[in-house]
Amino acid sequence: MDIGKSFTYMFDDEDWVSKLAIGGLLALVSIIPLVNLFTGFVLIGYALRTMKNVAERKDRPLPNWDDWGGDWIRGLMVSLGALIYSIPIWVLMGFAWIVKAIAGYSEGDASVIVGICMTGASCLSSLWGLAEAIVLPAAIVKYAMTGDFSSFFRFNEIFRFIGENFSNYIVAILLAFAAEIIAGFGTILCVIGVFFTYFWAVLVSSHLFGQVQAEATPPTETSGGSYGELSEESLSS
């Protein structure tokens, strides 16, 4: 697994300036309500195509901006899948709100019961959020490779993928999070720069998880070489 390449591969593309500029502009206009229902999904779809190209070991994985409609559909499916994964959190929040509302209309002091319920709901929500953060990326990888929405719910395949590639997978999650933190420094570039660094972080994440999938799939005669196993040298790079 070539960690350093995930942070720099986009600059190896001969058209990297225009491709990153378009992505950054889409991220910028995504702050506009309703408009982001188009641009945000397109960005996600583009990231999925990038991930698939990396998994297929293409030398220049950045795709052209030539499938806006397809990218929008793919982004919509990912967002819908993530929303379904988050349903338990919304249920717990609704339960806590109902308990609090009932306590407000009840006679006597119900603050202890309310506090216990609120704390319990908060803890369960946090645990589910953590589980979602670990499982959802694998589901997205599976969807990126198949284009089948049911991939989000093939949990046997998802858990097997995570288990068989555990070290690479966890490193990919942590480094994707680190890239998001680094992207925050884009505010130094007159604030607008953060949208371009955000898109860069998205591409870093796509490459990391694409590599995990590539390592899980034996190379074919038509594919490129392996990215290599996760090693101490790559971790220190």
Protein backbone atom coordinates (compact mmCIF):
# COMPACT_ATOMS: atom_id res chain seq x y z
CA MET A 1 0.00 0.00 0.00
CA ASP A 2 1.63 3.21 -1.20
CA ILE A 3 0.52 5.80 1.36
CA GLY A 4 2.52 8.69 -0.03
CA LYS A 5 1.04 8.21 -3.49
CA SER A 6 -2.48 8.74 -2.12
CA PHE A 7 -1.57 12.30 -1.19
CA THR A 8 0.15 13.23 -4.44
CA TYR A 9 -1.16 11.05 -7.29
CA MET A 10 -3.62 13.67 -8.50
CA PHE A 11 -0.72 15.95 -9.45
CA ASP A 12 0.69 13.30 -11.78
CA ASP A 13 -2.27 13.70 -14.11
CA GLU A 14 -1.48 15.88 -17.11
CA ASP A 15 -4.81 17.69 -16.67
CA TRP A 16 -4.68 17.93 -12.88
CA VAL A 17 -5.08 21.71 -12.82
CA SER A 18 -8.40 21.73 -14.68
CA LYS A 19 -9.71 18.61 -12.94
CA LEU A 20 -8.97 19.91 -9.46
CA ALA A 21 -10.22 23.37 -10.37
CA ILE A 22 -13.59 21.98 -11.45
CA GLY A 23 -13.84 19.89 -8.30
CA GLY A 24 -12.91 22.83 -6.10
CA LEU A 25 -15.46 25.09 -7.78
CA LEU A 26 -18.16 22.46 -7.34
CA ALA A 27 -17.25 22.22 -3.65
CA LEU A 28 -17.42 26.01 -3.41
CA VAL A 29 -20.89 26.35 -4.91
CA SER A 30 -22.06 23.44 -2.73
CA ILE A 31 -22.47 25.92 0.12
CA ILE A 32 -25.53 27.25 -1.73
CA PRO A 33 -28.76 25.55 -0.56
CA LEU A 34 -30.53 23.42 -3.18
CA VAL A 35 -27.59 23.85 -5.57
CA ASN A 36 -25.66 21.46 -3.35
CA LEU A 37 -28.24 18.77 -4.10
CA PHE A 38 -26.63 18.62 -7.53
CA THR A 39 -23.00 19.61 -6.99
CA GLY A 40 -22.54 17.64 -3.78
CA PHE A 41 -23.77 14.40 -5.33
CA VAL A 42 -21.66 14.96 -8.45
CA LEU A 43 -18.53 15.29 -6.29
CA ILE A 44 -19.32 12.02 -4.53
CA GLY A 45 -19.92 10.26 -7.83
CA TYR A 46 -16.64 11.54 -9.23
CA ALA A 47 -14.84 10.29 -6.13
CA LEU A 48 -16.38 6.85 -6.64
CA ARG A 49 -15.13 6.70 -10.21
CA THR A 50 -11.68 7.66 -8.98
CA MET A 51 -11.80 4.94 -6.34
CA LYS A 52 -12.78 2.34 -8.92
CA ASN A 53 -9.97 3.41 -11.24
CA VAL A 54 -7.45 3.07 -8.41
CA ALA A 55 -8.83 -0.35 -7.50
CA GLU A 56 -8.40 -1.38 -11.14
CA ARG A 57 -4.78 -0.14 -10.99
CA LYS A 58 -5.06 2.50 -13.69
CA ASP A 59 -1.94 4.64 -14.02
CA ARG A 60 -3.95 7.89 -14.20
CA PRO A 61 -6.99 7.25 -11.99
CA LEU A 62 -8.45 10.76 -12.15
CA PRO A 63 -11.40 10.48 -14.57
CA ASN A 64 -12.48 13.23 -16.92
CA TRP A 65 -15.46 15.37 -15.95
CA ASP A 66 -17.56 13.73 -18.63
CA ASP A 67 -20.30 11.89 -16.74
CA TRP A 68 -22.13 14.47 -14.66
CA GLY A 69 -25.44 12.66 -14.79
CA GLY A 70 -23.91 9.32 -13.85
CA ASP A 71 -21.88 10.94 -11.07
CA TRP A 72 -25.01 12.56 -9.69
CA ILE A 73 -26.85 9.24 -9.58
CA ARG A 74 -23.92 7.50 -7.90
CA GLY A 75 -23.61 10.32 -5.35
CA LEU A 76 -27.33 10.15 -4.65
CA MET A 77 -27.14 6.41 -4.02
CA VAL A 78 -24.23 6.81 -1.60
CA SER A 79 -26.07 9.55 0.29
CA LEU A 80 -29.20 7.41 0.46
CA GLY A 81 -27.18 4.45 1.72
CA ALA A 82 -25.52 6.61 4.38
CA LEU A 83 -28.94 7.96 5.41
CA ILE A 84 -30.29 4.44 5.88
CA TYR A 85 -27.23 3.52 7.95
CA SER A 86 -27.99 6.53 10.18
CA ILE A 87 -31.62 5.62 10.86
CA PRO A 88 -30.88 4.10 14.31
CA ILE A 89 -29.28 7.37 15.39
CA TRP A 90 -32.37 9.33 14.36
CA VAL A 91 -34.58 6.81 16.16
CA LEU A 92 -32.56 7.19 19.36
CA MET A 93 -32.64 10.97 19.12
CA GLY A 94 -36.40 10.86 18.58
CA PHE A 95 -36.83 8.58 21.58
CA ALA A 96 -34.82 10.94 23.79
CA TRP A 97 -36.86 13.91 22.59
CA ILE A 98 -40.16 12.08 23.30
CA VAL A 99 -39.01 11.13 26.81
CA LYS A 100 -38.01 14.71 27.50
CA ALA A 101 -41.33 16.02 26.18
CA ILE A 102 -43.34 13.55 28.29
CA ALA A 103 -41.33 14.45 31.38
CA GLY A 104 -42.14 18.10 30.79
CA TYR A 105 -45.85 17.40 31.01
CA SER A 106 -45.61 14.91 33.86
CA GLU A 107 -46.23 15.75 37.47
CA GLY A 108 -43.39 15.41 39.93
CA ASP A 109 -39.66 15.38 39.44
CA ALA A 110 -38.74 13.14 36.52
CA SER A 111 -35.35 14.71 35.92
CA VAL A 112 -33.45 11.59 37.02
CA ILE A 113 -35.34 9.34 34.60
CA VAL A 114 -34.94 11.89 31.82
CA GLY A 115 -31.23 12.17 32.53
CA ILE A 116 -30.75 8.40 32.40
CA CYS A 117 -32.68 8.09 29.15
CA MET A 118 -30.85 11.00 27.54
CA THR A 119 -27.46 9.65 28.61
CA GLY A 120 -28.32 6.15 27.42
CA ALA A 121 -29.55 7.42 24.06
CA SER A 122 -26.44 9.57 23.66
CA CYS A 123 -24.11 6.65 24.42
CA LEU A 124 -25.92 4.32 22.05
CA SER A 125 -25.89 6.99 19.33
CA SER A 126 -22.14 7.45 19.77
CA LEU A 127 -21.50 3.70 19.59
CA TRP A 128 -23.62 3.37 16.47
CA GLY A 129 -21.88 6.38 14.91
CA LEU A 130 -18.51 4.74 15.54
CA ALA A 131 -19.70 1.46 14.02
CA GLU A 132 -21.07 3.34 11.02
CA ALA A 133 -17.78 5.18 10.54
CA ILE A 134 -16.00 1.82 10.36
CA VAL A 135 -18.49 -0.13 8.23
CA LEU A 136 -19.81 2.50 5.80
CA PRO A 137 -16.52 3.08 3.90
CA ALA A 138 -16.35 -0.63 3.09
CA ALA A 139 -19.94 -0.55 1.85
CA ILE A 140 -19.08 2.45 -0.34
CA VAL A 141 -16.09 0.59 -1.79
CA LYS A 142 -18.34 -2.33 -2.67
CA TYR A 143 -20.87 -0.02 -4.29
CA ALA A 144 -18.13 1.79 -6.23
CA MET A 145 -17.00 -1.51 -7.71
CA THR A 146 -20.42 -2.96 -8.54
CA GLY A 147 -22.75 0.03 -9.00
CA ASP A 148 -25.38 -2.08 -7.23
CA PHE A 149 -27.23 -0.31 -4.40
CA SER A 150 -27.79 -3.62 -2.62
CA SER A 151 -24.01 -3.71 -2.03
CA PHE A 152 -24.61 -1.42 0.96
CA PHE A 153 -26.48 -4.22 2.71
CA ARG A 154 -24.45 -7.29 1.83
CA PHE A 155 -23.02 -7.37 5.32
CA ASN A 156 -21.34 -10.75 4.99
CA GLU A 157 -19.24 -9.40 2.11
CA ILE A 158 -18.64 -6.09 3.88
CA PHE A 159 -17.45 -7.67 7.13
CA ARG A 160 -15.32 -10.20 5.26
CA PHE A 161 -13.71 -7.38 3.28
CA ILE A 162 -12.92 -5.49 6.49
CA GLY A 163 -11.61 -8.58 8.26
CA GLU A 164 -9.39 -9.78 5.42
CA ASN A 165 -7.88 -6.32 4.90
CA PHE A 166 -8.07 -5.05 8.46
CA SER A 167 -4.67 -3.36 8.81
CA ASN A 168 -4.82 -1.58 5.46
CA TYR A 169 -8.47 -0.68 6.00
CA ILE A 170 -7.95 0.92 9.43
CA VAL A 171 -4.92 2.83 8.14
CA ALA A 172 -7.03 4.10 5.23
CA ILE A 173 -9.72 5.34 7.63
CA LEU A 174 -7.20 7.11 9.86
CA LEU A 175 -5.32 8.71 6.96
CA ALA A 176 -8.56 9.83 5.30
CA PHE A 177 -9.43 11.55 8.57
CA ALA A 178 -5.96 13.11 8.68
CA ALA A 179 -6.42 14.41 5.12
CA GLU A 180 -9.64 16.14 6.21
CA ILE A 181 -7.75 17.85 9.03
CA ILE A 182 -5.02 18.96 6.64
CA ALA A 183 -7.68 20.26 4.24
CA GLY A 184 -8.84 22.63 6.96
CA PHE A 185 -5.65 24.62 6.51
CA GLY A 186 -7.10 25.77 3.20
CA THR A 187 -8.72 28.59 5.18
CA ILE A 188 -5.29 30.21 5.15
CA LEU A 189 -5.73 30.70 1.39
CA CYS A 190 -8.33 33.46 1.73
CA VAL A 191 -10.97 30.96 2.98
CA ILE A 192 -11.92 29.97 -0.59
CA GLY A 193 -8.87 27.71 -0.67
CA VAL A 194 -10.52 25.36 1.80
CA PHE A 195 -12.93 24.16 -0.89
CA PHE A 196 -10.06 23.12 -3.14
CA THR A 197 -8.20 21.42 -0.31
CA TYR A 198 -11.47 19.72 0.67
CA PHE A 199 -11.71 18.24 -2.84
CA TRP A 200 -8.08 17.18 -2.56
CA ALA A 201 -8.92 15.38 0.70
CA VAL A 202 -11.81 13.61 -1.03
CA LEU A 203 -9.43 12.39 -3.73
CA VAL A 204 -6.94 11.24 -1.10
CA SER A 205 -9.67 9.20 0.59
CA SER A 206 -10.74 7.71 -2.76
CA HIS A 207 -7.19 6.60 -3.49
CA LEU A 208 -6.66 5.10 -0.04
CA PHE A 209 -9.76 2.94 -0.16
CA GLY A 210 -9.17 2.14 -3.81
CA GLN A 211 -5.78 0.76 -2.80
CA VAL A 212 -7.38 -1.40 -0.12
CA GLN A 213 -9.67 -2.89 -2.76
CA ALA A 214 -6.74 -3.31 -5.16
CA GLU A 215 -4.76 -5.21 -2.53
CA ALA A 216 -7.78 -7.43 -1.91
CA THR A 217 -7.99 -8.31 -5.62
CA PRO A 218 -5.24 -10.29 -7.37
CA PRO A 219 -3.86 -8.31 -10.35
CA THR A 220 -4.82 -9.50 -13.80
CA GLU A 221 -2.70 -9.47 -16.94
CA THR A 222 -4.38 -6.25 -18.07
CA SER A 223 -4.05 -4.44 -14.77
CA GLY A 224 -1.08 -2.60 -13.37
CA GLY A 225 1.20 -3.84 -10.63
CA SER A 226 0.32 -4.19 -6.98
CA TYR A 227 0.63 -1.26 -4.64
CA GLY A 228 2.47 -3.53 -2.23
CA GLU A 229 1.66 -4.71 1.25
CA LEU A 230 1.44 -2.30 4.15
CA SER A 231 4.91 -2.04 5.61
CA GLU A 232 6.78 -0.10 8.24
CA GLU A 233 8.53 1.80 5.46
CA SER A 234 5.24 2.92 3.90
CA LEU A 235 3.86 3.92 7.29
CA SER A 236 6.86 6.12 7.93
CA SER A 237 6.66 7.78 4.52
